Amino acid sequence: MTKVFRFKLRGDPAATLDRVRATAARAGIVFHGGLKEGWFSGGMPGTGLDTRGIYRIVGDEIVIVFDQKPYVLTWEQVEAMLRALVES
């Protein structure tokens, strides 16, 4: 199931994206692309913890579309983690 999240960016979009990328990298998720758009994938293959999707920065918003999320997390948990990263 695909899920779309939209968050207002606070401050520098490049710094926000760097923070998201660094946090994701610690979980084995790799971002590909630039400041305006790209895709991400990774996690722990074969465990049900894989993550996959795209991102796009439009104006003062970041749009994150998940094609796949770790099965152990609810969409509400994913949203809370993203919100903490993006809006901090």
PDB file of N, CA and C in Angstrom:
ATOM      1  N   MET A   1       0.834  -1.174   0.000  1.00  0.00           N
ATOM      2  CA  MET A   1       0.000   0.000   0.000  1.00  0.00           C
ATOM      3  C   MET A   1       0.886   1.247   0.000  1.00  0.00           C
ATOM      4  N   THR A   2       0.602   2.172  -0.867  1.00  0.00           N
ATOM      5  CA  THR A   2       1.341   3.423  -0.957  1.00  0.00           C
ATOM      6  C   THR A   2       0.762   4.431   0.027  1.00  0.00           C
ATOM      7  N   LYS A   3       1.657   5.190   0.638  1.00  0.00           N
ATOM      8  CA  LYS A   3       1.239   6.196   1.618  1.00  0.00           C
ATOM      9  C   LYS A   3       2.025   7.475   1.355  1.00  0.00           C
ATOM     10  N   VAL A   4       1.315   8.616   1.349  1.00  0.00           N
ATOM     11  CA  VAL A   4       1.928   9.912   1.068  1.00  0.00           C
ATOM     12  C   VAL A   4       1.930  10.758   2.339  1.00  0.00           C
ATOM     13  N   PHE A   5       3.094  11.348   2.629  1.00  0.00           N
ATOM     14  CA  PHE A   5       3.232  12.271   3.756  1.00  0.00           C
ATOM     15  C   PHE A   5       3.709  13.607   3.223  1.00  0.00           C
ATOM     16  N   ARG A   6       3.159  14.693   3.758  1.00  0.00           N
ATOM     17  CA  ARG A   6       3.567  16.060   3.398  1.00  0.00           C
ATOM     18  C   ARG A   6       3.905  16.808   4.690  1.00  0.00           C
ATOM     19  N   PHE A   7       5.062  17.457   4.654  1.00  0.00           N
ATOM     20  CA  PHE A   7       5.496  18.218   5.826  1.00  0.00           C
ATOM     21  C   PHE A   7       6.018  19.572   5.380  1.00  0.00           C
ATOM     22  N   LYS A   8       5.723  20.605   6.171  1.00  0.00           N
ATOM     23  CA  LYS A   8       6.295  21.931   5.940  1.00  0.00           C
ATOM     24  C   LYS A   8       7.755  21.896   6.349  1.00  0.00           C
ATOM     25  N   LEU A   9       8.598  22.467   5.531  1.00  0.00           N
ATOM     26  CA  LEU A   9      10.015  22.562   5.852  1.00  0.00           C
ATOM     27  C   LEU A   9      10.248  23.786   6.724  1.00  0.00           C
ATOM     28  N   ARG A  10      11.056  23.608   7.732  1.00  0.00           N
ATOM     29  CA  ARG A  10      11.439  24.717   8.609  1.00  0.00           C
ATOM     30  C   ARG A  10      12.942  24.902   8.432  1.00  0.00           C
ATOM     31  N   GLY A  11      13.332  26.045   7.946  1.00  0.00           N
ATOM     32  CA  GLY A  11      14.752  26.278   7.734  1.00  0.00           C
ATOM     33  C   GLY A  11      15.211  25.798   6.367  1.00  0.00           C
ATOM     34  N   ASP A  12      16.488  25.519   6.275  1.00  0.00           N
ATOM     35  CA  ASP A  12      17.144  25.171   5.026  1.00  0.00           C
ATOM     36  C   ASP A  12      16.741  23.777   4.537  1.00  0.00           C
ATOM     37  N   PRO A  13      16.157  23.664   3.333  1.00  0.00           N
ATOM     38  CA  PRO A  13      15.772  22.350   2.808  1.00  0.00           C
ATOM     39  C   PRO A  13      16.947  21.383   2.686  1.00  0.00           C
ATOM     40  N   ALA A  14      18.113  21.868   2.304  1.00  0.00           N
ATOM     41  CA  ALA A  14      19.289  21.000   2.159  1.00  0.00           C
ATOM     42  C   ALA A  14      19.693  20.413   3.513  1.00  0.00           C
ATOM     43  N   ALA A  15      19.654  21.221   4.563  1.00  0.00           N
ATOM     44  CA  ALA A  15      20.005  20.735   5.899  1.00  0.00           C
ATOM     45  C   ALA A  15      18.988  19.706   6.379  1.00  0.00           C
ATOM     46  N   THR A  16      17.715  19.941   6.093  1.00  0.00           N
ATOM     47  CA  THR A  16      16.671  18.991   6.476  1.00  0.00           C
ATOM     48  C   THR A  16      16.870  17.663   5.763  1.00  0.00           C
ATOM     49  N   LEU A  17      17.121  17.712   4.470  1.00  0.00           N
ATOM     50  CA  LEU A  17      17.328  16.485   3.698  1.00  0.00           C
ATOM     51  C   LEU A  17      18.577  15.758   4.179  1.00  0.00           C
ATOM     52  N   ASP A  18      19.624  16.479   4.502  1.00  0.00           N
ATOM     53  CA  ASP A  18      20.843  15.855   5.047  1.00  0.00           C
ATOM     54  C   ASP A  18      20.549  15.134   6.360  1.00  0.00           C
ATOM     55  N   ARG A  19      19.745  15.746   7.215  1.00  0.00           N
ATOM     56  CA  ARG A  19      19.378  15.139   8.502  1.00  0.00           C
ATOM     57  C   ARG A  19      18.567  13.861   8.282  1.00  0.00           C
ATOM     58  N   VAL A  20      17.612  13.912   7.347  1.00  0.00           N
ATOM     59  CA  VAL A  20      16.803  12.730   7.035  1.00  0.00           C
ATOM     60  C   VAL A  20      17.686  11.623   6.465  1.00  0.00           C
ATOM     61  N   ARG A  21      18.568  11.978   5.553  1.00  0.00           N
ATOM     62  CA  ARG A  21      19.462  10.983   4.948  1.00  0.00           C
ATOM     63  C   ARG A  21      20.371  10.328   5.982  1.00  0.00           C
ATOM     64  N   ALA A  22      20.929  11.116   6.879  1.00  0.00           N
ATOM     65  CA  ALA A  22      21.844  10.574   7.894  1.00  0.00           C
ATOM     66  C   ALA A  22      21.117   9.621   8.838  1.00  0.00           C
ATOM     67  N   THR A  23      19.923   9.998   9.252  1.00  0.00           N
ATOM     68  CA  THR A  23      19.141   9.127  10.141  1.00  0.00           C
ATOM     69  C   THR A  23      18.756   7.842   9.419  1.00  0.00           C
ATOM     70  N   ALA A  24      18.325   7.958   8.179  1.00  0.00           N
ATOM     71  CA  ALA A  24      17.947   6.778   7.395  1.00  0.00           C
ATOM     72  C   ALA A  24      19.144   5.857   7.174  1.00  0.00           C
ATOM     73  N   ALA A  25      20.310   6.433   6.949  1.00  0.00           N
ATOM     74  CA  ALA A  25      21.515   5.629   6.698  1.00  0.00           C
ATOM     75  C   ALA A  25      21.839   4.732   7.893  1.00  0.00           C
ATOM     76  N   ARG A  26      21.575   5.209   9.102  1.00  0.00           N
ATOM     77  CA  ARG A  26      21.820   4.394  10.288  1.00  0.00           C
ATOM     78  C   ARG A  26      20.915   3.159  10.325  1.00  0.00           C
ATOM     79  N   ALA A  27      19.790   3.209   9.598  1.00  0.00           N
ATOM     80  CA  ALA A  27      18.876   2.068   9.515  1.00  0.00           C
ATOM     81  C   ALA A  27      19.090   1.273   8.232  1.00  0.00           C
ATOM     82  N   GLY A  28      20.157   1.615   7.478  1.00  0.00           N
ATOM     83  CA  GLY A  28      20.451   0.890   6.250  1.00  0.00           C
ATOM     84  C   GLY A  28      19.661   1.352   5.043  1.00  0.00           C
ATOM     85  N   ILE A  29      19.056   2.532   5.134  1.00  0.00           N
ATOM     86  CA  ILE A  29      18.267   3.080   4.028  1.00  0.00           C
ATOM     87  C   ILE A  29      19.109   4.105   3.289  1.00  0.00           C
ATOM     88  N   VAL A  30      19.181   3.962   1.969  1.00  0.00           N
ATOM     89  CA  VAL A  30      20.021   4.820   1.138  1.00  0.00           C
ATOM     90  C   VAL A  30      19.139   5.738   0.292  1.00  0.00           C
ATOM     91  N   PHE A  31      19.507   7.005   0.236  1.00  0.00           N
ATOM     92  CA  PHE A  31      18.814   7.981  -0.605  1.00  0.00           C
ATOM     93  C   PHE A  31      19.605   8.190  -1.885  1.00  0.00           C
ATOM     94  N   HIS A  32      18.900   8.286  -2.993  1.00  0.00           N
ATOM     95  CA  HIS A  32      19.481   8.549  -4.301  1.00  0.00           C
ATOM     96  C   HIS A  32      18.746   9.751  -4.875  1.00  0.00           C
ATOM     97  N   GLY A  33      19.484  10.704  -5.390  1.00  0.00           N
ATOM     98  CA  GLY A  33      18.841  11.874  -5.975  1.00  0.00           C
ATOM     99  C   GLY A  33      19.428  13.143  -5.408  1.00  0.00           C
ATOM    100  N   GLY A  34      18.781  14.229  -5.740  1.00  0.00           N
ATOM    101  CA  GLY A  34      19.287  15.527  -5.343  1.00  0.00           C
ATOM    102  C   GLY A  34      18.367  16.243  -4.389  1.00  0.00           C
ATOM    103  N   LEU A  35      18.534  17.561  -4.349  1.00  0.00           N
ATOM    104  CA  LEU A  35      17.786  18.378  -3.412  1.00  0.00           C
ATOM    105  C   LEU A  35      16.294  18.427  -3.739  1.00  0.00           C
ATOM    106  N   LYS A  36      15.932  18.384  -4.990  1.00  0.00           N
ATOM    107  CA  LYS A  36      14.526  18.537  -5.368  1.00  0.00           C
ATOM    108  C   LYS A  36      13.734  17.232  -5.364  1.00  0.00           C
ATOM    109  N   GLU A  37      14.385  16.110  -5.736  1.00  0.00           N
ATOM    110  CA  GLU A  37      13.653  14.843  -5.777  1.00  0.00           C
ATOM    111  C   GLU A  37      14.607  13.668  -5.844  1.00  0.00           C
ATOM    112  N   GLY A  38      14.079  12.503  -5.502  1.00  0.00           N
ATOM    113  CA  GLY A  38      14.878  11.296  -5.553  1.00  0.00           C
ATOM    114  C   GLY A  38      14.093  10.118  -5.003  1.00  0.00           C
ATOM    115  N   TRP A  39      14.802   9.059  -4.703  1.00  0.00           N
ATOM    116  CA  TRP A  39      14.161   7.860  -4.168  1.00  0.00           C
ATOM    117  C   TRP A  39      15.022   7.282  -3.064  1.00  0.00           C
ATOM    118  N   PHE A  40      14.420   6.414  -2.272  1.00  0.00           N
ATOM    119  CA  PHE A  40      15.136   5.778  -1.167  1.00  0.00           C
ATOM    120  C   PHE A  40      14.732   4.318  -1.089  1.00  0.00           C
ATOM    121  N   SER A  41      15.654   3.522  -0.598  1.00  0.00           N
ATOM    122  CA  SER A  41      15.375   2.100  -0.410  1.00  0.00           C
ATOM    123  C   SER A  41      16.390   1.528   0.564  1.00  0.00           C
ATOM    124  N   GLY A  42      16.042   0.398   1.129  1.00  0.00           N
ATOM    125  CA  GLY A  42      16.973  -0.273   2.029  1.00  0.00           C
ATOM    126  C   GLY A  42      16.269  -0.861   3.221  1.00  0.00           C
ATOM    127  N   GLY A  43      17.041  -1.062   4.247  1.00  0.00           N
ATOM    128  CA  GLY A  43      16.528  -1.696   5.447  1.00  0.00           C
ATOM    129  C   GLY A  43      17.259  -3.004   5.662  1.00  0.00           C
ATOM    130  N   MET A  44      16.523  -4.009   6.008  1.00  0.00           N
ATOM    131  CA  MET A  44      17.106  -5.325   6.267  1.00  0.00           C
ATOM    132  C   MET A  44      16.433  -6.336   5.347  1.00  0.00           C
ATOM    133  N   PRO A  45      16.998  -6.589   4.166  1.00  0.00           N
ATOM    134  CA  PRO A  45      16.377  -7.481   3.191  1.00  0.00           C
ATOM    135  C   PRO A  45      16.029  -8.839   3.779  1.00  0.00           C
ATOM    136  N   GLY A  46      14.862  -9.322   3.384  1.00  0.00           N
ATOM    137  CA  GLY A  46      14.424 -10.637   3.814  1.00  0.00           C
ATOM    138  C   GLY A  46      13.825 -10.699   5.209  1.00  0.00           C
ATOM    139  N   THR A  47      13.760  -9.556   5.888  1.00  0.00           N
ATOM    140  CA  THR A  47      13.242  -9.551   7.261  1.00  0.00           C
ATOM    141  C   THR A  47      11.871  -8.887   7.364  1.00  0.00           C
ATOM    142  N   GLY A  48      11.402  -8.310   6.274  1.00  0.00           N
ATOM    143  CA  GLY A  48      10.159  -7.548   6.333  1.00  0.00           C
ATOM    144  C   GLY A  48      10.380  -6.132   6.813  1.00  0.00           C
ATOM    145  N   LEU A  49      11.639  -5.748   6.959  1.00  0.00           N
ATOM    146  CA  LEU A  49      11.966  -4.393   7.422  1.00  0.00           C
ATOM    147  C   LEU A  49      12.411  -3.483   6.276  1.00  0.00           C
ATOM    148  N   ASP A  50      12.161  -3.915   5.051  1.00  0.00           N
ATOM    149  CA  ASP A  50      12.557  -3.128   3.880  1.00  0.00           C
ATOM    150  C   ASP A  50      11.702  -1.868   3.771  1.00  0.00           C
ATOM    151  N   THR A  51      12.322  -0.827   3.238  1.00  0.00           N
ATOM    152  CA  THR A  51      11.663   0.450   3.021  1.00  0.00           C
ATOM    153  C   THR A  51      11.965   0.913   1.609  1.00  0.00           C
ATOM    154  N   ARG A  52      10.945   1.483   0.948  1.00  0.00           N
ATOM    155  CA  ARG A  52      11.152   1.952  -0.425  1.00  0.00           C
ATOM    156  C   ARG A  52      10.166   3.081  -0.714  1.00  0.00           C
ATOM    157  N   GLY A  53      10.640   4.115  -1.437  1.00  0.00           N
ATOM    158  CA  GLY A  53       9.751   5.202  -1.810  1.00  0.00           C
ATOM    159  C   GLY A  53      10.475   6.310  -2.543  1.00  0.00           C
ATOM    160  N   ILE A  54       9.791   7.428  -2.692  1.00  0.00           N
ATOM    161  CA  ILE A  54      10.345   8.605  -3.369  1.00  0.00           C
ATOM    162  C   ILE A  54      10.128   9.833  -2.485  1.00  0.00           C
ATOM    163  N   TYR A  55      10.883  10.888  -2.795  1.00  0.00           N
ATOM    164  CA  TYR A  55      10.680  12.158  -2.104  1.00  0.00           C
ATOM    165  C   TYR A  55      10.755  13.277  -3.124  1.00  0.00           C
ATOM    166  N   ARG A  56      10.119  14.382  -2.797  1.00  0.00           N
ATOM    167  CA  ARG A  56      10.140  15.549  -3.669  1.00  0.00           C
ATOM    168  C   ARG A  56       9.995  16.784  -2.796  1.00  0.00           C
ATOM    169  N   ILE A  57      10.821  17.788  -3.049  1.00  0.00           N
ATOM    170  CA  ILE A  57      10.695  19.061  -2.339  1.00  0.00           C
ATOM    171  C   ILE A  57      10.053  20.053  -3.300  1.00  0.00           C
ATOM    172  N   VAL A  58       8.912  20.579  -2.858  1.00  0.00           N
ATOM    173  CA  VAL A  58       8.148  21.519  -3.676  1.00  0.00           C
ATOM    174  C   VAL A  58       7.872  22.751  -2.816  1.00  0.00           C
ATOM    175  N   GLY A  59       8.515  23.865  -3.169  1.00  0.00           N
ATOM    176  CA  GLY A  59       8.346  25.077  -2.384  1.00  0.00           C
ATOM    177  C   GLY A  59       8.833  24.871  -0.969  1.00  0.00           C
ATOM    178  N   ASP A  60       7.950  25.083  -0.002  1.00  0.00           N
ATOM    179  CA  ASP A  60       8.330  24.929   1.400  1.00  0.00           C
ATOM    180  C   ASP A  60       7.827  23.603   1.986  1.00  0.00           C
ATOM    181  N   GLU A  61       7.568  22.620   1.123  1.00  0.00           N
ATOM    182  CA  GLU A  61       7.095  21.308   1.573  1.00  0.00           C
ATOM    183  C   GLU A  61       7.991  20.191   1.070  1.00  0.00           C
ATOM    184  N   ILE A  62       8.049  19.128   1.850  1.00  0.00           N
ATOM    185  CA  ILE A  62       8.657  17.895   1.373  1.00  0.00           C
ATOM    186  C   ILE A  62       7.533  16.859   1.317  1.00  0.00           C
ATOM    187  N   VAL A  63       7.461  16.177   0.188  1.00  0.00           N
ATOM    188  CA  VAL A  63       6.471  15.129  -0.015  1.00  0.00           C
ATOM    189  C   VAL A  63       7.233  13.812  -0.041  1.00  0.00           C
ATOM    190  N   ILE A  64       6.833  12.890   0.820  1.00  0.00           N
ATOM    191  CA  ILE A  64       7.491  11.588   0.909  1.00  0.00           C
ATOM    192  C   ILE A  64       6.439  10.525   0.636  1.00  0.00           C
ATOM    193  N   VAL A  65       6.698   9.701  -0.383  1.00  0.00           N
ATOM    194  CA  VAL A  65       5.760   8.656  -0.784  1.00  0.00           C
ATOM    195  C   VAL A  65       6.408   7.307  -0.515  1.00  0.00           C
ATOM    196  N   PHE A  66       5.787   6.515   0.336  1.00  0.00           N
ATOM    197  CA  PHE A  66       6.289   5.182   0.654  1.00  0.00           C
ATOM    198  C   PHE A  66       5.577   4.151  -0.209  1.00  0.00           C
ATOM    199  N   ASP A  67       6.339   3.298  -0.874  1.00  0.00           N
ATOM    200  CA  ASP A  67       5.793   2.134  -1.563  1.00  0.00           C
ATOM    201  C   ASP A  67       5.812   0.930  -0.625  1.00  0.00           C
ATOM    202  N   GLN A  68       6.737   0.955   0.310  1.00  0.00           N
ATOM    203  CA  GLN A  68       6.902  -0.156   1.246  1.00  0.00           C
ATOM    204  C   GLN A  68       7.475   0.385   2.545  1.00  0.00           C
ATOM    205  N   LYS A  69       7.000  -0.127   3.667  1.00  0.00           N
ATOM    206  CA  LYS A  69       7.493   0.275   4.979  1.00  0.00           C
ATOM    207  C   LYS A  69       7.785  -0.977   5.803  1.00  0.00           C
ATOM    208  N   PRO A  70       8.578  -0.855   6.839  1.00  0.00           N
ATOM    209  CA  PRO A  70       8.791  -2.000   7.724  1.00  0.00           C
ATOM    210  C   PRO A  70       7.456  -2.474   8.310  1.00  0.00           C
ATOM    211  N   TYR A  71       7.208  -3.746   8.243  1.00  0.00           N
ATOM    212  CA  TYR A  71       5.920  -4.269   8.718  1.00  0.00           C
ATOM    213  C   TYR A  71       5.726  -4.099  10.215  1.00  0.00           C
ATOM    214  N   VAL A  72       6.812  -3.929  10.960  1.00  0.00           N
ATOM    215  CA  VAL A  72       6.699  -3.799  12.417  1.00  0.00           C
ATOM    216  C   VAL A  72       6.267  -2.397  12.850  1.00  0.00           C
ATOM    217  N   LEU A  73       6.225  -1.465  11.911  1.00  0.00           N
ATOM    218  CA  LEU A  73       5.829  -0.095  12.227  1.00  0.00           C
ATOM    219  C   LEU A  73       4.455   0.208  11.642  1.00  0.00           C
ATOM    220  N   THR A  74       3.669   0.958  12.391  1.00  0.00           N
ATOM    221  CA  THR A  74       2.394   1.438  11.855  1.00  0.00           C
ATOM    222  C   THR A  74       2.659   2.708  11.043  1.00  0.00           C
ATOM    223  N   TRP A  75       1.696   3.083  10.224  1.00  0.00           N
ATOM    224  CA  TRP A  75       1.845   4.326   9.472  1.00  0.00           C
ATOM    225  C   TRP A  75       1.928   5.513  10.431  1.00  0.00           C
ATOM    226  N   GLU A  76       1.251   5.437  11.547  1.00  0.00           N
ATOM    227  CA  GLU A  76       1.304   6.521  12.536  1.00  0.00           C
ATOM    228  C   GLU A  76       2.708   6.659  13.119  1.00  0.00           C
ATOM    229  N   GLN A  77       3.377   5.541  13.358  1.00  0.00           N
ATOM    230  CA  GLN A  77       4.751   5.583  13.861  1.00  0.00           C
ATOM    231  C   GLN A  77       5.695   6.159  12.811  1.00  0.00           C
ATOM    232  N   VAL A  78       5.518   5.753  11.568  1.00  0.00           N
ATOM    233  CA  VAL A  78       6.345   6.287  10.478  1.00  0.00           C
ATOM    234  C   VAL A  78       6.154   7.791  10.384  1.00  0.00           C
ATOM    235  N   GLU A  79       4.893   8.248  10.422  1.00  0.00           N
ATOM    236  CA  GLU A  79       4.615   9.670  10.330  1.00  0.00           C
ATOM    237  C   GLU A  79       5.253  10.439  11.497  1.00  0.00           C
ATOM    238  N   ALA A  80       5.162   9.905  12.696  1.00  0.00           N
ATOM    239  CA  ALA A  80       5.739  10.591  13.864  1.00  0.00           C
ATOM    240  C   ALA A  80       7.257  10.706  13.734  1.00  0.00           C
ATOM    241  N   MET A  81       7.903   9.649  13.259  1.00  0.00           N
ATOM    242  CA  MET A  81       9.366   9.702  13.080  1.00  0.00           C
ATOM    243  C   MET A  81       9.754  10.718  12.018  1.00  0.00           C
ATOM    244  N   LEU A  82       9.021  10.720  10.911  1.00  0.00           N
ATOM    245  CA  LEU A  82       9.314  11.679   9.834  1.00  0.00           C
ATOM    246  C   LEU A  82       9.085  13.111  10.308  1.00  0.00           C
ATOM    247  N   ARG A  83       7.969  13.324  10.994  1.00  0.00           N
ATOM    248  CA  ARG A  83       7.654  14.673  11.483  1.00  0.00           C
ATOM    249  C   ARG A  83       8.769  15.188  12.404  1.00  0.00           C
ATOM    250  N   ALA A  84       9.243  14.337  13.291  1.00  0.00           N
ATOM    251  CA  ALA A  84      10.318  14.729  14.214  1.00  0.00           C
ATOM    252  C   ALA A  84      11.580  15.113  13.452  1.00  0.00           C
ATOM    253  N   LEU A  85      11.889  14.379  12.380  1.00  0.00           N
ATOM    254  CA  LEU A  85      13.077  14.689  11.577  1.00  0.00           C
ATOM    255  C   LEU A  85      12.922  15.957  10.766  1.00  0.00           C
ATOM    256  N   VAL A  86      11.798  16.086  10.100  1.00  0.00           N
ATOM    257  CA  VAL A  86      11.602  17.186   9.158  1.00  0.00           C
ATOM    258  C   VAL A  86      11.307  18.497   9.866  1.00  0.00           C
ATOM    259  N   GLU A  87      10.520  18.447  10.895  1.00  0.00           N
ATOM    260  CA  GLU A  87      10.066  19.688  11.518  1.00  0.00           C
ATOM    261  C   GLU A  87      10.911  20.125  12.714  1.00  0.00           C
ATOM    262  N   SER A  88      12.002  19.440  12.987  1.00  0.00           N
ATOM    263  CA  SER A  88      12.837  19.827  14.138  1.00  0.00           C
ATOM    264  C   SER A  88      13.769  20.957  13.788  1.00  0.00           C
TER     265      SER A  88
END
